[in-house]
mmCIF file of all heavy atoms, coordinates in Angstrom:
data_MODEL
# 
_entry.id   MODEL 
# 
loop_
_atom_site.group_PDB 
_atom_site.id 
_atom_site.type_symbol 
_atom_site.label_atom_id 
_atom_site.label_alt_id 
_atom_site.label_comp_id 
_atom_site.label_asym_id 
_atom_site.label_entity_id 
_atom_site.label_seq_id 
_atom_site.pdbx_PDB_ins_code 
_atom_site.Cartn_x 
_atom_site.Cartn_y 
_atom_site.Cartn_z 
_atom_site.occupancy 
_atom_site.B_iso_or_equiv 
_atom_site.pdbx_formal_charge 
_atom_site.auth_seq_id 
_atom_site.auth_comp_id 
_atom_site.auth_asym_id 
_atom_site.auth_atom_id 
_atom_site.pdbx_PDB_model_num 
ATOM 1   N N   . ALA A 1 1  ? -3.345 -44.694 -54.535 1.00 0.00 ? 1  ALA A N   1 
ATOM 2   C CA  . ALA A 1 1  ? -2.730 -43.957 -55.641 1.00 0.00 ? 1  ALA A CA  1 
ATOM 3   C C   . ALA A 1 1  ? -1.254 -43.688 -55.392 1.00 0.00 ? 1  ALA A C   1 
ATOM 4   O O   . ALA A 1 1  ? -0.465 -43.553 -56.335 1.00 0.00 ? 1  ALA A O   1 
ATOM 5   C CB  . ALA A 1 1  ? -3.472 -42.636 -55.874 1.00 0.00 ? 1  ALA A CB  1 
ATOM 6   N N   . LEU A 1 2  ? -0.846 -43.602 -54.116 1.00 0.00 ? 2  LEU A N   1 
ATOM 7   C CA  . LEU A 1 2  ? 0.560  -43.349 -53.788 1.00 0.00 ? 2  LEU A CA  1 
ATOM 8   C C   . LEU A 1 2  ? 1.444  -44.575 -54.019 1.00 0.00 ? 2  LEU A C   1 
ATOM 9   O O   . LEU A 1 2  ? 2.658  -44.435 -54.223 1.00 0.00 ? 2  LEU A O   1 
ATOM 10  C CB  . LEU A 1 2  ? 0.695  -42.914 -52.323 1.00 0.00 ? 2  LEU A CB  1 
ATOM 11  C CG  . LEU A 1 2  ? 0.061  -41.591 -51.905 1.00 0.00 ? 2  LEU A CG  1 
ATOM 12  C CD1 . LEU A 1 2  ? 0.437  -41.272 -50.465 1.00 0.00 ? 2  LEU A CD1 1 
ATOM 13  C CD2 . LEU A 1 2  ? 0.456  -40.455 -52.828 1.00 0.00 ? 2  LEU A CD2 1 
ATOM 14  N N   . ALA A 1 3  ? 0.845  -45.758 -53.979 1.00 0.00 ? 3  ALA A N   1 
ATOM 15  C CA  . ALA A 1 3  ? 1.623  -46.994 -54.107 1.00 0.00 ? 3  ALA A CA  1 
ATOM 16  C C   . ALA A 1 3  ? 2.434  -46.997 -55.398 1.00 0.00 ? 3  ALA A C   1 
ATOM 17  O O   . ALA A 1 3  ? 1.899  -46.786 -56.485 1.00 0.00 ? 3  ALA A O   1 
ATOM 18  C CB  . ALA A 1 3  ? 0.681  -48.199 -54.071 1.00 0.00 ? 3  ALA A CB  1 
ATOM 19  N N   . GLY A 1 4  ? 3.740  -47.202 -55.259 1.00 0.00 ? 4  GLY A N   1 
ATOM 20  C CA  . GLY A 1 4  ? 4.630  -47.215 -56.409 1.00 0.00 ? 4  GLY A CA  1 
ATOM 21  C C   . GLY A 1 4  ? 5.100  -45.832 -56.840 1.00 0.00 ? 4  GLY A C   1 
ATOM 22  O O   . GLY A 1 4  ? 5.996  -45.721 -57.677 1.00 0.00 ? 4  GLY A O   1 
ATOM 23  N N   . ARG A 1 5  ? 4.498  -44.800 -56.281 1.00 0.00 ? 5  ARG A N   1 
ATOM 24  C CA  . ARG A 1 5  ? 4.867  -43.430 -56.650 1.00 0.00 ? 5  ARG A CA  1 
ATOM 25  C C   . ARG A 1 5  ? 5.550  -42.682 -55.509 1.00 0.00 ? 5  ARG A C   1 
ATOM 26  O O   . ARG A 1 5  ? 6.459  -41.892 -55.731 1.00 0.00 ? 5  ARG A O   1 
ATOM 27  C CB  . ARG A 1 5  ? 3.623  -42.643 -57.085 1.00 0.00 ? 5  ARG A CB  1 
ATOM 28  C CG  . ARG A 1 5  ? 2.929  -43.158 -58.342 1.00 0.00 ? 5  ARG A CG  1 
ATOM 29  C CD  . ARG A 1 5  ? 1.806  -42.212 -58.725 1.00 0.00 ? 5  ARG A CD  1 
ATOM 30  N NE  . ARG A 1 5  ? 1.193  -42.562 -60.002 1.00 0.00 ? 5  ARG A NE  1 
ATOM 31  C CZ  . ARG A 1 5  ? 0.055  -43.237 -60.125 1.00 0.00 ? 5  ARG A CZ  1 
ATOM 32  N NH1 . ARG A 1 5  ? -0.587 -43.647 -59.032 1.00 0.00 ? 5  ARG A NH1 1 
ATOM 33  N NH2 . ARG A 1 5  ? -0.438 -43.509 -61.320 1.00 0.00 ? 5  ARG A NH2 1 
ATOM 34  N N   . MET A 1 6  ? 5.078  -42.906 -54.269 1.00 0.00 ? 6  MET A N   1 
ATOM 35  C CA  . MET A 1 6  ? 5.641  -42.226 -53.115 1.00 0.00 ? 6  MET A CA  1 
ATOM 36  C C   . MET A 1 6  ? 5.809  -43.219 -51.980 1.00 0.00 ? 6  MET A C   1 
ATOM 37  O O   . MET A 1 6  ? 5.081  -44.215 -51.892 1.00 0.00 ? 6  MET A O   1 
ATOM 38  C CB  . MET A 1 6  ? 4.741  -41.060 -52.665 1.00 0.00 ? 6  MET A CB  1 
ATOM 39  C CG  . MET A 1 6  ? 4.495  -40.017 -53.756 1.00 0.00 ? 6  MET A CG  1 
ATOM 40  S SD  . MET A 1 6  ? 3.611  -38.554 -53.145 1.00 0.00 ? 6  MET A SD  1 
ATOM 41  C CE  . MET A 1 6  ? 4.936  -37.753 -52.216 1.00 0.00 ? 6  MET A CE  1 
ATOM 42  N N   . ALA A 1 7  ? 6.775  -42.950 -51.106 1.00 0.00 ? 7  ALA A N   1 
ATOM 43  C CA  . ALA A 1 7  ? 7.044  -43.823 -49.965 1.00 0.00 ? 7  ALA A CA  1 
ATOM 44  C C   . ALA A 1 7  ? 7.257  -42.974 -48.715 1.00 0.00 ? 7  ALA A C   1 
ATOM 45  O O   . ALA A 1 7  ? 7.599  -41.789 -48.810 1.00 0.00 ? 7  ALA A O   1 
ATOM 46  C CB  . ALA A 1 7  ? 8.275  -44.687 -50.234 1.00 0.00 ? 7  ALA A CB  1 
ATOM 47  N N   . ALA A 1 8  ? 7.043  -43.594 -47.552 1.00 0.00 ? 8  ALA A N   1 
ATOM 48  C CA  . ALA A 1 8  ? 7.222  -42.881 -46.292 1.00 0.00 ? 8  ALA A CA  1 
ATOM 49  C C   . ALA A 1 8  ? 8.655  -42.401 -46.145 1.00 0.00 ? 8  ALA A C   1 
ATOM 50  O O   . ALA A 1 8  ? 9.593  -43.051 -46.604 1.00 0.00 ? 8  ALA A O   1 
ATOM 51  C CB  . ALA A 1 8  ? 6.851  -43.784 -45.122 1.00 0.00 ? 8  ALA A CB  1 
ATOM 52  N N   . ASP A 1 9  ? 8.829  -41.254 -45.510 1.00 0.00 ? 9  ASP A N   1 
ATOM 53  C CA  . ASP A 1 9  ? 10.166 -40.700 -45.313 1.00 0.00 ? 9  ASP A CA  1 
ATOM 54  C C   . ASP A 1 9  ? 10.873 -41.407 -44.171 1.00 0.00 ? 9  ASP A C   1 
ATOM 55  O O   . ASP A 1 9  ? 10.430 -42.457 -43.698 1.00 0.00 ? 9  ASP A O   1 
ATOM 56  C CB  . ASP A 1 9  ? 10.093 -39.181 -45.101 1.00 0.00 ? 9  ASP A CB  1 
ATOM 57  C CG  . ASP A 1 9  ? 9.474  -38.804 -43.759 1.00 0.00 ? 9  ASP A CG  1 
ATOM 58  O OD1 . ASP A 1 9  ? 9.131  -39.713 -42.963 1.00 0.00 ? 9  ASP A OD1 1 
ATOM 59  O OD2 . ASP A 1 9  ? 9.334  -37.603 -43.498 1.00 0.00 ? 9  ASP A OD2 1 
ATOM 60  N N   . GLU A 1 10 ? 11.968 -40.844 -43.678 1.00 0.00 ? 10 GLU A N   1 
ATOM 61  C CA  . GLU A 1 10 ? 12.797 -41.502 -42.670 1.00 0.00 ? 10 GLU A CA  1 
ATOM 62  C C   . GLU A 1 10 ? 12.074 -41.764 -41.356 1.00 0.00 ? 10 GLU A C   1 
ATOM 63  O O   . GLU A 1 10 ? 12.446 -42.677 -40.606 1.00 0.00 ? 10 GLU A O   1 
ATOM 64  C CB  . GLU A 1 10 ? 14.039 -40.647 -42.389 1.00 0.00 ? 10 GLU A CB  1 
ATOM 65  C CG  . GLU A 1 10 ? 13.708 -39.260 -41.846 1.00 0.00 ? 10 GLU A CG  1 
ATOM 66  C CD  . GLU A 1 10 ? 14.941 -38.417 -41.622 1.00 0.00 ? 10 GLU A CD  1 
ATOM 67  O OE1 . GLU A 1 10 ? 15.786 -38.829 -40.807 1.00 0.00 ? 10 GLU A OE1 1 
ATOM 68  O OE2 . GLU A 1 10 ? 15.068 -37.368 -42.271 1.00 0.00 ? 10 GLU A OE2 1 
ATOM 69  N N   . TYR A 1 11 ? 11.031 -41.003 -41.052 1.00 0.00 ? 11 TYR A N   1 
ATOM 70  C CA  . TYR A 1 11 ? 10.320 -41.197 -39.796 1.00 0.00 ? 11 TYR A CA  1 
ATOM 71  C C   . TYR A 1 11 ? 9.250  -42.274 -39.897 1.00 0.00 ? 11 TYR A C   1 
ATOM 72  O O   . TYR A 1 11 ? 8.834  -42.837 -38.890 1.00 0.00 ? 11 TYR A O   1 
ATOM 73  C CB  . TYR A 1 11 ? 9.676  -39.880 -39.329 1.00 0.00 ? 11 TYR A CB  1 
ATOM 74  C CG  . TYR A 1 11 ? 10.690 -38.845 -38.939 1.00 0.00 ? 11 TYR A CG  1 
ATOM 75  C CD1 . TYR A 1 11 ? 10.928 -37.746 -39.760 1.00 0.00 ? 11 TYR A CD1 1 
ATOM 76  C CD2 . TYR A 1 11 ? 11.411 -38.962 -37.753 1.00 0.00 ? 11 TYR A CD2 1 
ATOM 77  C CE1 . TYR A 1 11 ? 11.870 -36.788 -39.411 1.00 0.00 ? 11 TYR A CE1 1 
ATOM 78  C CE2 . TYR A 1 11 ? 12.357 -38.008 -37.394 1.00 0.00 ? 11 TYR A CE2 1 
ATOM 79  C CZ  . TYR A 1 11 ? 12.572 -36.926 -38.231 1.00 0.00 ? 11 TYR A CZ  1 
ATOM 80  O OH  . TYR A 1 11 ? 13.494 -35.984 -37.876 1.00 0.00 ? 11 TYR A OH  1 
ATOM 81  N N   . GLY A 1 12 ? 8.772  -42.559 -41.117 1.00 0.00 ? 12 GLY A N   1 
ATOM 82  C CA  . GLY A 1 12 ? 7.728  -43.552 -41.285 1.00 0.00 ? 12 GLY A CA  1 
ATOM 83  C C   . GLY A 1 12 ? 6.473  -43.149 -40.525 1.00 0.00 ? 12 GLY A C   1 
ATOM 84  O O   . GLY A 1 12 ? 6.104  -41.983 -40.475 1.00 0.00 ? 12 GLY A O   1 
ATOM 85  N N   . ARG A 1 13 ? 5.814  -44.141 -39.910 1.00 0.00 ? 13 ARG A N   1 
ATOM 86  C CA  . ARG A 1 13 ? 4.628  -43.876 -39.107 1.00 0.00 ? 13 ARG A CA  1 
ATOM 87  C C   . ARG A 1 13 ? 5.064  -43.665 -37.670 1.00 0.00 ? 13 ARG A C   1 
ATOM 88  O O   . ARG A 1 13 ? 5.635  -44.564 -37.039 1.00 0.00 ? 13 ARG A O   1 
ATOM 89  C CB  . ARG A 1 13 ? 3.645  -45.040 -39.192 1.00 0.00 ? 13 ARG A CB  1 
ATOM 90  C CG  . ARG A 1 13 ? 2.335  -44.819 -38.419 1.00 0.00 ? 13 ARG A CG  1 
ATOM 91  C CD  . ARG A 1 13 ? 1.484  -46.079 -38.460 1.00 0.00 ? 13 ARG A CD  1 
ATOM 92  N NE  . ARG A 1 13 ? 0.265  -45.919 -37.680 1.00 0.00 ? 13 ARG A NE  1 
ATOM 93  C CZ  . ARG A 1 13 ? -0.908 -45.578 -38.184 1.00 0.00 ? 13 ARG A CZ  1 
ATOM 94  N NH1 . ARG A 1 13 ? -1.029 -45.409 -39.488 1.00 0.00 ? 13 ARG A NH1 1 
ATOM 95  N NH2 . ARG A 1 13 ? -1.964 -45.436 -37.407 1.00 0.00 ? 13 ARG A NH2 1 
ATOM 96  N N   . THR A 1 14 ? 4.827  -42.481 -37.133 1.00 0.00 ? 14 THR A N   1 
ATOM 97  C CA  . THR A 1 14 ? 5.278  -42.182 -35.781 1.00 0.00 ? 14 THR A CA  1 
ATOM 98  C C   . THR A 1 14 ? 4.349  -41.185 -35.137 1.00 0.00 ? 14 THR A C   1 
ATOM 99  O O   . THR A 1 14 ? 3.619  -40.454 -35.815 1.00 0.00 ? 14 THR A O   1 
ATOM 100 C CB  . THR A 1 14 ? 6.714  -41.617 -35.796 1.00 0.00 ? 14 THR A CB  1 
ATOM 101 O OG1 . THR A 1 14 ? 7.170  -41.451 -34.455 1.00 0.00 ? 14 THR A OG1 1 
ATOM 102 C CG2 . THR A 1 14 ? 6.767  -40.267 -36.498 1.00 0.00 ? 14 THR A CG2 1 
ATOM 103 N N   . ARG A 1 15 ? 4.361  -41.165 -33.811 1.00 0.00 ? 15 ARG A N   1 
ATOM 104 C CA  . ARG A 1 15 ? 3.573  -40.176 -33.078 1.00 0.00 ? 15 ARG A CA  1 
ATOM 105 C C   . ARG A 1 15 ? 4.359  -38.876 -33.005 1.00 0.00 ? 15 ARG A C   1 
ATOM 106 O O   . ARG A 1 15 ? 5.542  -38.870 -32.665 1.00 0.00 ? 15 ARG A O   1 
ATOM 107 C CB  . ARG A 1 15 ? 3.253  -40.681 -31.670 1.00 0.00 ? 15 ARG A CB  1 
ATOM 108 C CG  . ARG A 1 15 ? 2.607  -39.615 -30.780 1.00 0.00 ? 15 ARG A CG  1 
ATOM 109 C CD  . ARG A 1 15 ? 2.197  -40.183 -29.441 1.00 0.00 ? 15 ARG A CD  1 
ATOM 110 N NE  . ARG A 1 15 ? 1.120  -41.146 -29.588 1.00 0.00 ? 15 ARG A NE  1 
ATOM 111 C CZ  . ARG A 1 15 ? 0.565  -41.784 -28.556 1.00 0.00 ? 15 ARG A CZ  1 
ATOM 112 N NH1 . ARG A 1 15 ? 1.003  -41.573 -27.328 1.00 0.00 ? 15 ARG A NH1 1 
ATOM 113 N NH2 . ARG A 1 15 ? -0.414 -42.639 -28.757 1.00 0.00 ? 15 ARG A NH2 1 
ATOM 114 N N   . ILE A 1 16 ? 3.695  -37.783 -33.316 1.00 0.00 ? 16 ILE A N   1 
ATOM 115 C CA  . ILE A 1 16 ? 4.322  -36.468 -33.264 1.00 0.00 ? 16 ILE A CA  1 
ATOM 116 C C   . ILE A 1 16 ? 3.606  -35.634 -32.213 1.00 0.00 ? 16 ILE A C   1 
ATOM 117 O O   . ILE A 1 16 ? 2.375  -35.538 -32.229 1.00 0.00 ? 16 ILE A O   1 
ATOM 118 C CB  . ILE A 1 16 ? 4.252  -35.746 -34.629 1.00 0.00 ? 16 ILE A CB  1 
ATOM 119 C CG1 . ILE A 1 16 ? 4.974  -36.578 -35.696 1.00 0.00 ? 16 ILE A CG1 1 
ATOM 120 C CG2 . ILE A 1 16 ? 4.852  -34.348 -34.539 1.00 0.00 ? 16 ILE A CG2 1 
ATOM 121 C CD1 . ILE A 1 16 ? 4.833  -36.014 -37.093 1.00 0.00 ? 16 ILE A CD1 1 
ATOM 122 N N   . THR A 1 17 ? 4.354  -35.061 -31.292 1.00 0.00 ? 17 THR A N   1 
ATOM 123 C CA  . THR A 1 17 ? 3.787  -34.212 -30.252 1.00 0.00 ? 17 THR A CA  1 
ATOM 124 C C   . THR A 1 17 ? 4.320  -32.804 -30.417 1.00 0.00 ? 17 THR A C   1 
ATOM 125 O O   . THR A 1 17 ? 5.528  -32.605 -30.566 1.00 0.00 ? 17 THR A O   1 
ATOM 126 C CB  . THR A 1 17 ? 4.143  -34.740 -28.855 1.00 0.00 ? 17 THR A CB  1 
ATOM 127 O OG1 . THR A 1 17 ? 3.710  -36.098 -28.743 1.00 0.00 ? 17 THR A OG1 1 
ATOM 128 C CG2 . THR A 1 17 ? 3.469  -33.911 -27.764 1.00 0.00 ? 17 THR A CG2 1 
ATOM 129 N N   . SER A 1 18 ? 3.418  -31.823 -30.412 1.00 0.00 ? 18 SER A N   1 
ATOM 130 C CA  . SER A 1 18 ? 3.809  -30.419 -30.544 1.00 0.00 ? 18 SER A CA  1 
ATOM 131 C C   . SER A 1 18 ? 3.306  -29.642 -29.342 1.00 0.00 ? 18 SER A C   1 
ATOM 132 O O   . SER A 1 18 ? 2.134  -29.765 -28.966 1.00 0.00 ? 18 SER A O   1 
ATOM 133 C CB  . SER A 1 18 ? 3.228  -29.804 -31.824 1.00 0.00 ? 18 SER A CB  1 
ATOM 134 O OG  . SER A 1 18 ? 3.737  -30.457 -32.967 1.00 0.00 ? 18 SER A OG  1 
ATOM 135 N N   . LEU A 1 19 ? 4.199  -28.856 -28.742 1.00 0.00 ? 19 LEU A N   1 
ATOM 136 C CA  . LEU A 1 19 ? 3.840  -27.986 -27.633 1.00 0.00 ? 19 LEU A CA  1 
ATOM 137 C C   . LEU A 1 19 ? 3.931  -26.551 -28.135 1.00 0.00 ? 19 LEU A C   1 
ATOM 138 O O   . LEU A 1 19 ? 5.014  -26.064 -28.459 1.00 0.00 ? 19 LEU A O   1 
ATOM 139 C CB  . LEU A 1 19 ? 4.790  -28.196 -26.453 1.00 0.00 ? 19 LEU A CB  1 
ATOM 140 C CG  . LEU A 1 19 ? 4.585  -27.288 -25.226 1.00 0.00 ? 19 LEU A CG  1 
ATOM 141 C CD1 . LEU A 1 19 ? 3.209  -27.543 -24.606 1.00 0.00 ? 19 LEU A CD1 1 
ATOM 142 C CD2 . LEU A 1 19 ? 5.679  -27.529 -24.192 1.00 0.00 ? 19 LEU A CD2 1 
ATOM 143 N N   . TYR A 1 20 ? 2.785  -25.872 -28.245 1.00 0.00 ? 20 TYR A N   1 
ATOM 144 C CA  . TYR A 1 20 ? 2.747  -24.507 -28.761 1.00 0.00 ? 20 TYR A CA  1 
ATOM 145 C C   . TYR A 1 20 ? 2.896  -23.511 -27.618 1.00 0.00 ? 20 TYR A C   1 
ATOM 146 O O   . TYR A 1 20 ? 2.278  -23.661 -26.561 1.00 0.00 ? 20 TYR A O   1 
ATOM 147 C CB  . TYR A 1 20 ? 1.436  -24.243 -29.491 1.00 0.00 ? 20 TYR A CB  1 
ATOM 148 C CG  . TYR A 1 20 ? 1.359  -24.911 -30.844 1.00 0.00 ? 20 TYR A CG  1 
ATOM 149 C CD1 . TYR A 1 20 ? 0.919  -26.223 -30.983 1.00 0.00 ? 20 TYR A CD1 1 
ATOM 150 C CD2 . TYR A 1 20 ? 1.736  -24.224 -31.996 1.00 0.00 ? 20 TYR A CD2 1 
ATOM 151 C CE1 . TYR A 1 20 ? 0.858  -26.837 -32.217 1.00 0.00 ? 20 TYR A CE1 1 
ATOM 152 C CE2 . TYR A 1 20 ? 1.673  -24.831 -33.241 1.00 0.00 ? 20 TYR A CE2 1 
ATOM 153 C CZ  . TYR A 1 20 ? 1.237  -26.135 -33.341 1.00 0.00 ? 20 TYR A CZ  1 
ATOM 154 O OH  . TYR A 1 20 ? 1.179  -26.754 -34.564 1.00 0.00 ? 20 TYR A OH  1 
ATOM 155 N N   . PHE A 1 21 ? 3.703  -22.488 -27.856 1.00 0.00 ? 21 PHE A N   1 
ATOM 156 C CA  . PHE A 1 21 ? 3.915  -21.433 -26.876 1.00 0.00 ? 21 PHE A CA  1 
ATOM 157 C C   . PHE A 1 21 ? 3.116  -20.204 -27.289 1.00 0.00 ? 21 PHE A C   1 
ATOM 158 O O   . PHE A 1 21 ? 3.102  -19.818 -28.462 1.00 0.00 ? 21 PHE A O   1 
ATOM 159 C CB  . PHE A 1 21 ? 5.405  -21.078 -26.784 1.00 0.00 ? 21 PHE A CB  1 
ATOM 160 C CG  . PHE A 1 21 ? 6.249  -22.197 -26.239 1.00 0.00 ? 21 PHE A CG  1 
ATOM 161 C CD1 . PHE A 1 21 ? 6.766  -23.168 -27.076 1.00 0.00 ? 21 PHE A CD1 1 
ATOM 162 C CD2 . PHE A 1 21 ? 6.513  -22.279 -24.873 1.00 0.00 ? 21 PHE A CD2 1 
ATOM 163 C CE1 . PHE A 1 21 ? 7.534  -24.210 -26.576 1.00 0.00 ? 21 PHE A CE1 1 
ATOM 164 C CE2 . PHE A 1 21 ? 7.281  -23.322 -24.359 1.00 0.00 ? 21 PHE A CE2 1 
ATOM 165 C CZ  . PHE A 1 21 ? 7.791  -24.287 -25.213 1.00 0.00 ? 21 PHE A CZ  1 
ATOM 166 N N   . ASP A 1 22 ? 2.451  -19.591 -26.304 1.00 0.00 ? 22 ASP A N   1 
ATOM 167 C CA  . ASP A 1 22 ? 1.603  -18.439 -26.592 1.00 0.00 ? 22 ASP A CA  1 
ATOM 168 C C   . ASP A 1 22 ? 1.581  -17.556 -25.351 1.00 0.00 ? 22 ASP A C   1 
ATOM 169 O O   . ASP A 1 22 ? 2.162  -17.908 -24.313 1.00 0.00 ? 22 ASP A O   1 
ATOM 170 C CB  . ASP A 1 22 ? 0.182  -18.910 -26.954 1.00 0.00 ? 22 ASP A CB  1 
ATOM 171 C CG  . ASP A 1 22 ? -0.528 -17.965 -27.911 1.00 0.00 ? 22 ASP A CG  1 
ATOM 172 O OD1 . ASP A 1 22 ? -0.277 -16.742 -27.817 1.00 0.00 ? 22 ASP A OD1 1 
ATOM 173 O OD2 . ASP A 1 22 ? -1.319 -18.441 -28.743 1.00 0.00 ? 22 ASP A OD2 1 
ATOM 174 N N   . THR A 1 23 ? 0.912  -16.429 -25.439 1.00 0.00 ? 23 THR A N   1 
ATOM 175 C CA  . THR A 1 23 ? 0.740  -15.577 -24.264 1.00 0.00 ? 23 THR A CA  1 
ATOM 176 C C   . THR A 1 23 ? -0.334 -16.185 -23.370 1.00 0.00 ? 23 THR A C   1 
ATOM 177 O O   . THR A 1 23 ? -1.090 -17.060 -23.806 1.00 0.00 ? 23 THR A O   1 
ATOM 178 C CB  . THR A 1 23 ? 0.307  -14.163 -24.690 1.00 0.00 ? 23 THR A CB  1 
ATOM 179 O OG1 . THR A 1 23 ? -1.013 -14.242 -25.258 1.00 0.00 ? 23 THR A OG1 1 
ATOM 180 C CG2 . THR A 1 23 ? 1.266  -13.578 -25.718 1.00 0.00 ? 23 THR A CG2 1 
ATOM 181 N N   . PRO A 1 24 ? -0.440 -15.750 -22.106 1.00 0.00 ? 24 PRO A N   1 
ATOM 182 C CA  . PRO A 1 24 ? -1.478 -16.297 -21.218 1.00 0.00 ? 24 PRO A CA  1 
ATOM 183 C C   . PRO A 1 24 ? -2.893 -16.126 -21.771 1.00 0.00 ? 24 PRO A C   1 
ATOM 184 O O   . PRO A 1 24 ? -3.784 -16.915 -21.450 1.00 0.00 ? 24 PRO A O   1 
ATOM 185 C CB  . PRO A 1 24 ? -1.279 -15.499 -19.921 1.00 0.00 ? 24 PRO A CB  1 
ATOM 186 C CG  . PRO A 1 24 ? 0.166  -15.122 -19.933 1.00 0.00 ? 24 PRO A CG  1 
ATOM 187 C CD  . PRO A 1 24 ? 0.480  -14.844 -21.383 1.00 0.00 ? 24 PRO A CD  1 
ATOM 188 N N   . THR A 1 25 ? -3.106 -15.109 -22.607 1.00 0.00 ? 25 THR A N   1 
ATOM 189 C CA  . THR A 1 25 ? -4.429 -14.888 -23.205 1.00 0.00 ? 25 THR A CA  1 
ATOM 190 C C   . THR A 1 25 ? -4.503 -15.401 -24.635 1.00 0.00 ? 25 THR A C   1 
ATOM 191 O O   . THR A 1 25 ? -5.431 -15.095 -25.366 1.00 0.00 ? 25 THR A O   1 
ATOM 192 C CB  . THR A 1 25 ? -4.784 -13.392 -23.180 1.00 0.00 ? 25 THR A CB  1 
ATOM 193 O OG1 . THR A 1 25 ? -3.723 -12.629 -23.779 1.00 0.00 ? 25 THR A OG1 1 
ATOM 194 C CG2 . THR A 1 25 ? -4.999 -12.917 -21.746 1.00 0.00 ? 25 THR A CG2 1 
ATOM 195 N N   . ARG A 1 26 ? -3.482 -16.181 -25.053 1.00 0.00 ? 26 ARG A N   1 
ATOM 196 C CA  . ARG A 1 26 ? -3.449 -16.835 -26.366 1.00 0.00 ? 26 ARG A CA  1 
ATOM 197 C C   . ARG A 1 26 ? -3.581 -15.824 -27.520 1.00 0.00 ? 26 ARG A C   1 
ATOM 198 O O   . ARG A 1 26 ? -4.314 -16.023 -28.482 1.00 0.00 ? 26 ARG A O   1 
ATOM 199 C CB  . ARG A 1 26 ? -4.561 -17.877 -26.467 1.00 0.00 ? 26 ARG A CB  1 
ATOM 200 C CG  . ARG A 1 26 ? -4.435 -19.025 -25.471 1.00 0.00 ? 26 ARG A CG  1 
ATOM 201 C CD  . ARG A 1 26 ? -5.479 -20.087 -25.755 1.00 0.00 ? 26 ARG A CD  1 
ATOM 202 N NE  . ARG A 1 26 ? -5.273 -21.276 -24.973 1.00 0.00 ? 26 ARG A NE  1 
ATOM 203 C CZ  . ARG A 1 26 ? -5.981 -21.600 -23.883 1.00 0.00 ? 26 ARG A CZ  1 
ATOM 204 N NH1 . ARG A 1 26 ? -6.931 -20.781 -23.462 1.00 0.00 ? 26 ARG A NH1 1 
ATOM 205 N NH2 . ARG A 1 26 ? -5.745 -22.710 -23.233 1.00 0.00 ? 26 ARG A NH2 1 
ATOM 206 N N   . ASP A 1 27 ? -2.830 -14.749 -27.446 1.00 0.00 ? 27 ASP A N   1 
ATOM 207 C CA  . ASP A 1 27 ? -2.908 -13.702 -28.471 1.00 0.00 ? 27 ASP A CA  1 
ATOM 208 C C   . ASP A 1 27 ? -2.392 -14.166 -29.830 1.00 0.00 ? 27 ASP A C   1 
ATOM 209 O O   . ASP A 1 27 ? -2.908 -13.736 -30.870 1.00 0.00 ? 27 ASP A O   1 
ATOM 210 C CB  . ASP A 1 27 ? -2.107 -12.461 -28.014 1.00 0.00 ? 27 ASP A CB  1 
ATOM 211 C CG  . ASP A 1 27 ? -2.712 -11.811 -26.791 1.00 0.00 ? 27 ASP A CG  1 
ATOM 212 O OD1 . ASP A 1 27 ? -3.947 -11.714 -26.731 1.00 0.00 ? 27 ASP A OD1 1 
ATOM 213 O OD2 . ASP A 1 27 ? -1.951 -11.417 -25.881 1.00 0.00 ? 27 ASP A OD2 1 
ATOM 214 N N   . LEU A 1 28 ? -1.356 -15.022 -29.853 1.00 0.00 ? 28 LEU A N   1 
ATOM 215 C CA  . LEU A 1 28 ? -0.773 -15.438 -31.129 1.00 0.00 ? 28 LEU A CA  1 
ATOM 216 C C   . LEU A 1 28 ? -1.777 -16.221 -31.968 1.00 0.00 ? 28 LEU A C   1 
ATOM 217 O O   . LEU A 1 28 ? -1.950 -15.962 -33.154 1.00 0.00 ? 28 LEU A O   1 
ATOM 218 C CB  . LEU A 1 28 ? 0.481  -16.280 -30.892 1.00 0.00 ? 28 LEU A CB  1 
ATOM 219 C CG  . LEU A 1 28 ? 1.701  -15.547 -30.347 1.00 0.00 ? 28 LEU A CG  1 
ATOM 220 C CD1 . LEU A 1 28 ? 2.855  -16.531 -30.157 1.00 0.00 ? 28 LEU A CD1 1 
ATOM 221 C CD2 . LEU A 1 28 ? 2.121  -14.426 -31.291 1.00 0.00 ? 28 LEU A CD2 1 
ATOM 222 N N   . ILE A 1 29 ? -2.456 -17.196 -31.356 1.00 0.00 ? 29 ILE A N   1 
ATOM 223 C CA  . ILE A 1 29 ? -3.393 -17.989 -32.133 1.00 0.00 ? 29 ILE A CA  1 
ATOM 224 C C   . ILE A 1 29 ? -4.658 -17.200 -32.449 1.00 0.00 ? 29 ILE A C   1 
ATOM 225 O O   . ILE A 1 29 ? -5.258 -17.371 -33.523 1.00 0.00 ? 29 ILE A O   1 
ATOM 226 C CB  . ILE A 1 29 ? -3.736 -19.314 -31.404 1.00 0.00 ? 29 ILE A CB  1 
ATOM 227 C CG1 . ILE A 1 29 ? -4.585 -20.203 -32.320 1.00 0.00 ? 29 ILE A CG1 1 
ATOM 228 C CG2 . ILE A 1 29 ? -4.427 -19.054 -30.088 1.00 0.00 ? 29 ILE A CG2 1 
ATOM 229 C CD1 . ILE A 1 29 ? -3.951 -20.532 -33.645 1.00 0.00 ? 29 ILE A CD1 1 
# 
């Protein structure tokens, strides 16, 4: 359904890595 309507942005298909910061007891999450 996206074909012809939407296209990949500047990053295209790429691996994304996220490192989340939290307290030692993970209170934020």
